Amino acid sequence: MGVNYFTDEQVQELRKNPYVKNCSNKSITYDISFKEFFMKEYNNGNLPSSIFIKAGFKPSVLGKIRIDQFSYSTKKQSERFEGFKDTRKGNSGRPKTKDLTIEEENQILKDKISILKQENDFLKRVRFINKKQISKQLKIKRQSKSTN
């Protein structure tokens, strides 16, 4: 059994907290309201462990790593356009290719063309930089041979 698992008693205690959306022996999922509360308190200058204590959690139960990872991921989520919304539901699985209108197919193909153009431009720049470096190295070698 892993080191960071919750006991059954800890799971029951964590589930009583209003900020917990779901909890199992292996993981804990926090409610969006807690993430918003966390960021508000964090931006006010409070430390992550003290924020968890204010919210009714025991840092000894959660552990330092779990608190640090939560604060890191919550900061990243707050910077996203979607915010704290769970984006896994809408982005899972293979993209649809059936039942698309002609306009939707055209838009998908235009997006792919745009990405390929960006990749080509990047590769052209890389090749150009490599050629410059090679020509500089050749000049340096020629100069060193001519001085000898």
N, C-alpha and C. Protein backbone atom coordinates (compact mmCIF):
# COMPACT_ATOMS: atom_id res chain seq x y z
N MET A 1 0.84 -1.18 0.00
CA MET A 1 0.00 0.00 0.00
C MET A 1 0.88 1.24 0.00
N GLY A 2 0.45 2.29 -0.68
CA GLY A 2 1.23 3.50 -0.81
C GLY A 2 1.32 4.30 0.47
N VAL A 3 2.25 5.24 0.49
CA VAL A 3 2.49 6.05 1.67
C VAL A 3 1.43 7.13 1.84
N ASN A 4 0.93 7.69 0.75
CA ASN A 4 0.06 8.85 0.81
C ASN A 4 -1.43 8.53 0.76
N TYR A 5 -1.82 7.32 1.06
CA TYR A 5 -3.23 6.96 1.03
C TYR A 5 -3.91 7.42 2.31
N PHE A 6 -5.21 7.73 2.19
CA PHE A 6 -6.02 8.09 3.35
C PHE A 6 -6.58 6.83 3.98
N THR A 7 -6.74 6.87 5.30
CA THR A 7 -7.44 5.77 5.97
C THR A 7 -8.93 5.99 5.79
N ASP A 8 -9.72 4.96 6.09
CA ASP A 8 -11.17 5.09 5.95
C ASP A 8 -11.72 6.18 6.86
N GLU A 9 -11.16 6.32 8.06
CA GLU A 9 -11.61 7.36 8.99
C GLU A 9 -11.30 8.75 8.43
N GLN A 10 -10.12 8.90 7.84
CA GLN A 10 -9.75 10.18 7.26
C GLN A 10 -10.65 10.53 6.08
N VAL A 11 -11.01 9.53 5.29
CA VAL A 11 -11.90 9.75 4.15
C VAL A 11 -13.25 10.24 4.64
N GLN A 12 -13.79 9.61 5.67
CA GLN A 12 -15.08 10.03 6.22
C GLN A 12 -15.01 11.46 6.76
N GLU A 13 -13.92 11.79 7.42
CA GLU A 13 -13.75 13.14 7.97
C GLU A 13 -13.63 14.17 6.84
N LEU A 14 -12.88 13.83 5.80
CA LEU A 14 -12.71 14.76 4.68
C LEU A 14 -14.01 14.97 3.93
N ARG A 15 -14.82 13.94 3.79
CA ARG A 15 -16.09 14.07 3.07
C ARG A 15 -17.08 14.99 3.78
N LYS A 16 -16.91 15.17 5.09
CA LYS A 16 -17.79 16.07 5.84
C LYS A 16 -17.51 17.54 5.54
N ASN A 17 -16.32 17.84 5.05
CA ASN A 17 -15.95 19.22 4.74
C ASN A 17 -16.73 19.70 3.52
N PRO A 18 -17.36 20.89 3.61
CA PRO A 18 -18.17 21.38 2.48
C PRO A 18 -17.34 21.71 1.23
N TYR A 19 -16.04 21.86 1.38
CA TYR A 19 -15.18 22.18 0.24
C TYR A 19 -14.72 20.94 -0.53
N VAL A 20 -15.07 19.76 -0.05
CA VAL A 20 -14.65 18.52 -0.70
C VAL A 20 -15.76 18.06 -1.63
N LYS A 21 -15.41 17.88 -2.89
CA LYS A 21 -16.38 17.39 -3.87
C LYS A 21 -16.45 15.86 -3.83
N ASN A 22 -15.29 15.23 -3.75
CA ASN A 22 -15.22 13.77 -3.70
C ASN A 22 -13.92 13.38 -3.01
N CYS A 23 -13.94 12.24 -2.36
CA CYS A 23 -12.73 11.78 -1.67
C CYS A 23 -12.70 10.26 -1.68
N SER A 24 -11.52 9.71 -1.93
CA SER A 24 -11.31 8.27 -1.85
C SER A 24 -10.03 8.04 -1.07
N ASN A 25 -9.64 6.79 -0.94
CA ASN A 25 -8.42 6.49 -0.20
C ASN A 25 -7.18 7.03 -0.91
N LYS A 26 -7.26 7.20 -2.22
CA LYS A 26 -6.09 7.63 -2.99
C LYS A 26 -6.09 9.12 -3.31
N SER A 27 -7.26 9.73 -3.42
CA SER A 27 -7.28 11.11 -3.90
C SER A 27 -8.41 11.91 -3.26
N ILE A 28 -8.30 13.21 -3.45
CA ILE A 28 -9.32 14.13 -2.98
C ILE A 28 -9.59 15.15 -4.08
N THR A 29 -10.87 15.45 -4.31
CA THR A 29 -11.26 16.43 -5.30
C THR A 29 -11.95 17.57 -4.58
N TYR A 30 -11.45 18.79 -4.81
CA TYR A 30 -11.97 19.95 -4.13
C TYR A 30 -13.03 20.63 -4.98
N ASP A 31 -13.96 21.30 -4.31
CA ASP A 31 -15.02 22.03 -4.97
C ASP A 31 -14.45 23.32 -5.57
N ILE A 32 -15.10 23.84 -6.59
CA ILE A 32 -14.65 25.08 -7.23
C ILE A 32 -14.65 26.23 -6.22
N SER A 33 -15.62 26.23 -5.31
CA SER A 33 -15.69 27.30 -4.31
C SER A 33 -14.43 27.32 -3.45
N PHE A 34 -13.86 26.14 -3.16
CA PHE A 34 -12.62 26.12 -2.38
C PHE A 34 -11.45 26.67 -3.18
N LYS A 35 -11.41 26.36 -4.46
CA LYS A 35 -10.33 26.87 -5.30
C LYS A 35 -10.39 28.39 -5.38
N GLU A 36 -11.61 28.93 -5.49
CA GLU A 36 -11.77 30.39 -5.52
C GLU A 36 -11.37 30.99 -4.16
N PHE A 37 -11.81 30.35 -3.07
CA PHE A 37 -11.46 30.80 -1.74
C PHE A 37 -9.94 30.76 -1.55
N PHE A 38 -9.33 29.68 -2.00
CA PHE A 38 -7.88 29.51 -1.88
C PHE A 38 -7.14 30.63 -2.59
N MET A 39 -7.53 30.93 -3.83
CA MET A 39 -6.83 31.96 -4.60
C MET A 39 -7.04 33.34 -3.98
N LYS A 40 -8.24 33.61 -3.46
CA LYS A 40 -8.50 34.90 -2.82
C LYS A 40 -7.59 35.07 -1.60
N GLU A 41 -7.53 34.04 -0.79
CA GLU A 41 -6.68 34.09 0.41
C GLU A 41 -5.20 34.13 0.04
N TYR A 42 -4.81 33.37 -0.96
CA TYR A 42 -3.41 33.34 -1.39
C TYR A 42 -2.97 34.70 -1.91
N ASN A 43 -3.84 35.34 -2.68
CA ASN A 43 -3.52 36.67 -3.20
C ASN A 43 -3.47 37.71 -2.09
N ASN A 44 -4.13 37.43 -0.96
CA ASN A 44 -4.06 38.33 0.19
C ASN A 44 -2.79 38.10 1.01
N GLY A 45 -1.98 37.13 0.63
CA GLY A 45 -0.70 36.91 1.28
C GLY A 45 -0.66 35.76 2.27
N ASN A 46 -1.71 34.96 2.36
CA ASN A 46 -1.72 33.82 3.28
C ASN A 46 -0.98 32.63 2.68
N LEU A 47 -0.37 31.84 3.53
CA LEU A 47 0.33 30.64 3.09
C LEU A 47 -0.66 29.51 2.82
N PRO A 48 -0.31 28.60 1.91
CA PRO A 48 -1.24 27.51 1.57
C PRO A 48 -1.68 26.68 2.78
N SER A 49 -0.77 26.33 3.67
CA SER A 49 -1.17 25.50 4.81
C SER A 49 -2.13 26.25 5.73
N SER A 50 -1.94 27.55 5.92
CA SER A 50 -2.86 28.31 6.76
C SER A 50 -4.23 28.45 6.09
N ILE A 51 -4.25 28.50 4.78
CA ILE A 51 -5.54 28.56 4.06
C ILE A 51 -6.30 27.25 4.25
N PHE A 52 -5.59 26.13 4.19
CA PHE A 52 -6.23 24.83 4.41
C PHE A 52 -6.77 24.73 5.83
N ILE A 53 -6.04 25.28 6.80
CA ILE A 53 -6.52 25.25 8.19
C ILE A 53 -7.79 26.09 8.32
N LYS A 54 -7.81 27.29 7.67
CA LYS A 54 -9.01 28.14 7.71
C LYS A 54 -10.20 27.44 7.10
N ALA A 55 -9.97 26.59 6.10
CA ALA A 55 -11.06 25.89 5.42
C ALA A 55 -11.49 24.64 6.16
N GLY A 56 -10.85 24.31 7.27
CA GLY A 56 -11.25 23.17 8.07
C GLY A 56 -10.51 21.88 7.77
N PHE A 57 -9.39 21.97 7.06
CA PHE A 57 -8.59 20.78 6.77
C PHE A 57 -7.44 20.68 7.75
N LYS A 58 -6.96 19.48 7.98
CA LYS A 58 -5.78 19.26 8.80
C LYS A 58 -4.60 19.00 7.86
N PRO A 59 -3.62 19.89 7.85
CA PRO A 59 -2.47 19.69 6.95
C PRO A 59 -1.73 18.39 7.21
N SER A 60 -1.77 17.89 8.43
CA SER A 60 -1.08 16.63 8.73
C SER A 60 -1.75 15.46 8.01
N VAL A 61 -3.07 15.55 7.80
CA VAL A 61 -3.80 14.48 7.09
C VAL A 61 -3.50 14.55 5.59
N LEU A 62 -3.50 15.76 5.05
CA LEU A 62 -3.29 15.92 3.61
C LEU A 62 -1.82 15.72 3.23
N GLY A 63 -0.94 16.27 4.01
CA GLY A 63 0.48 16.16 3.70
C GLY A 63 0.98 17.34 2.91
N LYS A 64 2.26 17.63 3.05
CA LYS A 64 2.87 18.80 2.40
C LYS A 64 2.85 18.69 0.88
N ILE A 65 3.15 17.52 0.36
CA ILE A 65 3.21 17.37 -1.10
C ILE A 65 1.84 17.61 -1.73
N ARG A 66 0.80 17.06 -1.13
CA ARG A 66 -0.55 17.22 -1.67
C ARG A 66 -0.96 18.70 -1.63
N ILE A 67 -0.62 19.41 -0.57
CA ILE A 67 -0.95 20.84 -0.46
C ILE A 67 -0.16 21.64 -1.49
N ASP A 68 1.13 21.34 -1.64
CA ASP A 68 1.95 22.05 -2.62
C ASP A 68 1.46 21.82 -4.04
N GLN A 69 1.11 20.58 -4.36
CA GLN A 69 0.61 20.28 -5.71
C GLN A 69 -0.73 20.96 -5.97
N PHE A 70 -1.59 21.00 -4.93
CA PHE A 70 -2.87 21.69 -5.09
C PHE A 70 -2.65 23.17 -5.35
N SER A 71 -1.76 23.81 -4.59
CA SER A 71 -1.55 25.24 -4.77
C SER A 71 -0.95 25.52 -6.15
N TYR A 72 -0.04 24.67 -6.61
CA TYR A 72 0.55 24.85 -7.94
C TYR A 72 -0.51 24.73 -9.04
N SER A 73 -1.30 23.67 -8.98
CA SER A 73 -2.30 23.47 -10.04
C SER A 73 -3.41 24.51 -9.98
N THR A 74 -3.75 24.96 -8.79
CA THR A 74 -4.80 25.98 -8.68
C THR A 74 -4.32 27.31 -9.23
N LYS A 75 -3.06 27.65 -9.00
CA LYS A 75 -2.51 28.88 -9.59
C LYS A 75 -2.55 28.80 -11.11
N LYS A 76 -2.17 27.65 -11.65
CA LYS A 76 -2.21 27.47 -13.11
C LYS A 76 -3.64 27.58 -13.64
N GLN A 77 -4.59 26.94 -12.94
CA GLN A 77 -5.98 26.98 -13.38
C GLN A 77 -6.54 28.40 -13.34
N SER A 78 -6.13 29.19 -12.37
CA SER A 78 -6.65 30.56 -12.26
C SER A 78 -6.20 31.42 -13.44
N GLU A 79 -5.10 31.05 -14.08
CA GLU A 79 -4.58 31.80 -15.22
C GLU A 79 -5.24 31.41 -16.54
N ARG A 80 -5.92 30.27 -16.55
CA ARG A 80 -6.54 29.79 -17.78
C ARG A 80 -7.78 30.60 -18.13
N PHE A 81 -8.14 30.57 -19.40
CA PHE A 81 -9.35 31.22 -19.86
C PHE A 81 -10.59 30.57 -19.24
N GLU A 82 -10.57 29.23 -19.12
CA GLU A 82 -11.71 28.50 -18.57
C GLU A 82 -11.80 28.65 -17.06
N GLY A 83 -10.72 29.07 -16.42
CA GLY A 83 -10.71 29.20 -14.97
C GLY A 83 -10.62 27.84 -14.31
N PHE A 84 -11.43 27.64 -13.27
CA PHE A 84 -11.38 26.40 -12.49
C PHE A 84 -12.27 25.30 -13.06
N LYS A 85 -12.93 25.57 -14.16
CA LYS A 85 -13.82 24.59 -14.77
C LYS A 85 -13.03 23.35 -15.20
N ASP A 86 -13.61 22.18 -14.98
CA ASP A 86 -12.97 20.92 -15.36
C ASP A 86 -13.08 20.74 -16.86
N THR A 87 -11.95 20.79 -17.56
CA THR A 87 -11.95 20.72 -19.02
C THR A 87 -11.78 19.29 -19.54
N ARG A 88 -11.64 18.33 -18.65
CA ARG A 88 -11.42 16.95 -19.10
C ARG A 88 -12.66 16.38 -19.78
N LYS A 89 -13.84 16.80 -19.38
CA LYS A 89 -15.07 16.22 -19.91
C LYS A 89 -15.26 16.55 -21.39
N GLY A 90 -14.98 17.78 -21.78
CA GLY A 90 -15.21 18.19 -23.16
C GLY A 90 -14.10 17.84 -24.12
N ASN A 91 -12.92 17.51 -23.61
CA ASN A 91 -11.77 17.29 -24.48
C ASN A 91 -11.31 15.84 -24.52
N SER A 92 -12.14 14.93 -24.08
CA SER A 92 -11.69 13.54 -24.04
C SER A 92 -12.09 12.81 -25.31
N GLY A 93 -11.31 11.82 -25.65
CA GLY A 93 -11.63 10.97 -26.78
C GLY A 93 -11.17 11.53 -28.11
N ARG A 94 -11.48 10.80 -29.13
CA ARG A 94 -11.11 11.16 -30.48
C ARG A 94 -12.02 12.28 -30.97
N PRO A 95 -11.48 13.25 -31.70
CA PRO A 95 -12.34 14.32 -32.22
C PRO A 95 -13.35 13.79 -33.23
N LYS A 96 -14.50 14.40 -33.24
CA LYS A 96 -15.55 13.95 -34.16
C LYS A 96 -15.18 14.26 -35.60
N THR A 97 -15.45 13.30 -36.47
CA THR A 97 -15.24 13.53 -37.90
C THR A 97 -16.52 13.25 -38.66
N LYS A 98 -17.48 12.62 -38.02
CA LYS A 98 -18.74 12.32 -38.68
C LYS A 98 -19.75 13.42 -38.38
N ASP A 99 -20.73 13.54 -39.22
CA ASP A 99 -21.84 14.47 -39.05
C ASP A 99 -21.39 15.93 -38.96
N LEU A 100 -20.34 16.29 -39.69
CA LEU A 100 -19.90 17.67 -39.71
C LEU A 100 -20.43 18.34 -40.96
N THR A 101 -20.80 19.59 -40.82
CA THR A 101 -21.24 20.34 -41.99
C THR A 101 -20.01 20.71 -42.82
N ILE A 102 -20.24 21.16 -44.04
CA ILE A 102 -19.14 21.52 -44.93
C ILE A 102 -18.36 22.69 -44.34
N GLU A 103 -19.07 23.63 -43.71
CA GLU A 103 -18.41 24.79 -43.11
C GLU A 103 -17.49 24.35 -41.96
N GLU A 104 -17.97 23.40 -41.15
CA GLU A 104 -17.16 22.92 -40.02
C GLU A 104 -15.92 22.18 -40.53
N GLU A 105 -16.10 21.36 -41.56
CA GLU A 105 -14.95 20.65 -42.14
C GLU A 105 -13.95 21.65 -42.72
N ASN A 106 -14.46 22.68 -43.41
CA ASN A 106 -13.56 23.70 -43.96
C ASN A 106 -12.79 24.41 -42.86
N GLN A 107 -13.45 24.72 -41.77
CA GLN A 107 -12.78 25.40 -40.67
C GLN A 107 -11.69 24.52 -40.06
N ILE A 108 -11.98 23.23 -39.89
CA ILE A 108 -10.98 22.30 -39.35
C ILE A 108 -9.78 22.23 -40.28
N LEU A 109 -10.02 22.14 -41.57
CA LEU A 109 -8.92 22.07 -42.53
C LEU A 109 -8.13 23.37 -42.58
N LYS A 110 -8.81 24.51 -42.47
CA LYS A 110 -8.11 25.79 -42.43
C LYS A 110 -7.20 25.88 -41.20
N ASP A 111 -7.69 25.39 -40.08
CA ASP A 111 -6.89 25.39 -38.86
C ASP A 111 -5.65 24.51 -39.02
N LYS A 112 -5.83 23.34 -39.63
CA LYS A 112 -4.69 22.45 -39.86
C LYS A 112 -3.67 23.09 -40.79
N ILE A 113 -4.15 23.78 -41.83
CA ILE A 113 -3.25 24.46 -42.77
C ILE A 113 -2.47 25.55 -42.04
N SER A 114 -3.15 26.28 -41.19
CA SER A 114 -2.49 27.34 -40.42
C SER A 114 -1.39 26.77 -39.53
N ILE A 115 -1.66 25.68 -38.88
CA ILE A 115 -0.65 25.04 -38.02
C ILE A 115 0.54 24.57 -38.84
N LEU A 116 0.26 23.96 -40.00
CA LEU A 116 1.35 23.47 -40.86
C LEU A 116 2.20 24.63 -41.38
N LYS A 117 1.58 25.76 -41.71
CA LYS A 117 2.33 26.93 -42.15
C LYS A 117 3.26 27.43 -41.04
N GLN A 118 2.75 27.44 -39.82
CA GLN A 118 3.58 27.87 -38.68
C GLN A 118 4.76 26.92 -38.49
N GLU A 119 4.50 25.63 -38.61
CA GLU A 119 5.59 24.65 -38.47
C GLU A 119 6.64 24.84 -39.57
N ASN A 120 6.19 25.08 -40.80
CA ASN A 120 7.12 25.29 -41.91
C ASN A 120 7.96 26.54 -41.69
N ASP A 121 7.33 27.63 -41.24
CA ASP A 121 8.07 28.85 -40.97
C ASP A 121 9.13 28.63 -39.89
N PHE A 122 8.76 27.90 -38.88
CA PHE A 122 9.71 27.60 -37.80
C PHE A 122 10.89 26.80 -38.34
N LEU A 123 10.61 25.77 -39.13
CA LEU A 123 11.69 24.95 -39.68
C LEU A 123 12.59 25.76 -40.62
N LYS A 124 12.02 26.68 -41.38
CA LYS A 124 12.82 27.54 -42.25
C LYS A 124 13.77 28.39 -41.42
N ARG A 125 13.27 28.94 -40.31
CA ARG A 125 14.12 29.76 -39.44
C ARG A 125 15.25 28.93 -38.85
N VAL A 126 14.94 27.70 -38.45
CA VAL A 126 15.97 26.84 -37.87
C VAL A 126 17.04 26.52 -38.90
N ARG A 127 16.64 26.21 -40.11
CA ARG A 127 17.61 25.92 -41.17
C ARG A 127 18.48 27.13 -41.46
N PHE A 128 17.86 28.31 -41.50
CA PHE A 128 18.61 29.53 -41.76
C PHE A 128 19.65 29.79 -40.67
N ILE A 129 19.27 29.60 -39.43
CA ILE A 129 20.19 29.80 -38.31
C ILE A 129 21.32 28.78 -38.37
N ASN A 130 21.00 27.54 -38.71
CA ASN A 130 22.04 26.50 -38.83
C ASN A 130 23.03 26.84 -39.93
N LYS A 131 22.54 27.32 -41.07
CA LYS A 131 23.43 27.69 -42.17
C LYS A 131 24.36 28.83 -41.75
N LYS A 132 23.83 29.79 -41.02
CA LYS A 132 24.65 30.90 -40.54
C LYS A 132 25.75 30.40 -39.62
N GLN A 133 25.40 29.51 -38.71
CA GLN A 133 26.38 28.97 -37.76
C GLN A 133 27.47 28.18 -38.49
N ILE A 134 27.08 27.39 -39.46
CA ILE A 134 28.05 26.60 -40.21
C ILE A 134 28.99 27.52 -40.99
N SER A 135 28.44 28.56 -41.62
CA SER A 135 29.30 29.47 -42.38
C SER A 135 30.25 30.22 -41.45
N LYS A 136 29.81 30.59 -40.25
CA LYS A 136 30.70 31.24 -39.29
C LYS A 136 31.83 30.30 -38.88
N GLN A 137 31.51 29.05 -38.63
CA GLN A 137 32.53 28.08 -38.23
C GLN A 137 33.54 27.87 -39.35
N LEU A 138 33.06 27.82 -40.58
CA LEU A 138 33.98 27.66 -41.71
C LEU A 138 34.91 28.86 -41.83
N LYS A 139 34.40 30.07 -41.65
CA LYS A 139 35.24 31.27 -41.72
C LYS A 139 36.29 31.24 -40.63
N ILE A 140 35.92 30.84 -39.45
CA ILE A 140 36.87 30.77 -38.32
C ILE A 140 37.96 29.75 -38.63
N LYS A 141 37.60 28.59 -39.20
CA LYS A 141 38.59 27.58 -39.55
C LYS A 141 39.53 28.09 -40.63
N ARG A 142 39.00 28.79 -41.63
CA ARG A 142 39.84 29.32 -42.71
C ARG A 142 40.81 30.36 -42.18
N GLN A 143 40.32 31.22 -41.27
CA GLN A 143 41.18 32.24 -40.70
C GLN A 143 42.29 31.62 -39.85
N SER A 144 41.96 30.59 -39.11
CA SER A 144 42.96 29.96 -38.26
C SER A 144 44.00 29.23 -39.13
N LYS A 145 43.59 28.66 -40.27
CA LYS A 145 44.54 27.99 -41.16
C LYS A 145 45.42 29.01 -41.86
N SER A 146 44.87 30.15 -42.24
CA SER A 146 45.66 31.16 -42.96
C SER A 146 46.67 31.84 -42.04
N THR A 147 46.41 31.91 -40.76
CA THR A 147 47.35 32.52 -39.82
C THR A 147 48.49 31.57 -39.47
N ASN A 148 48.30 30.28 -39.65
CA ASN A 148 49.33 29.28 -39.33
C ASN A 148 50.28 29.14 -40.44
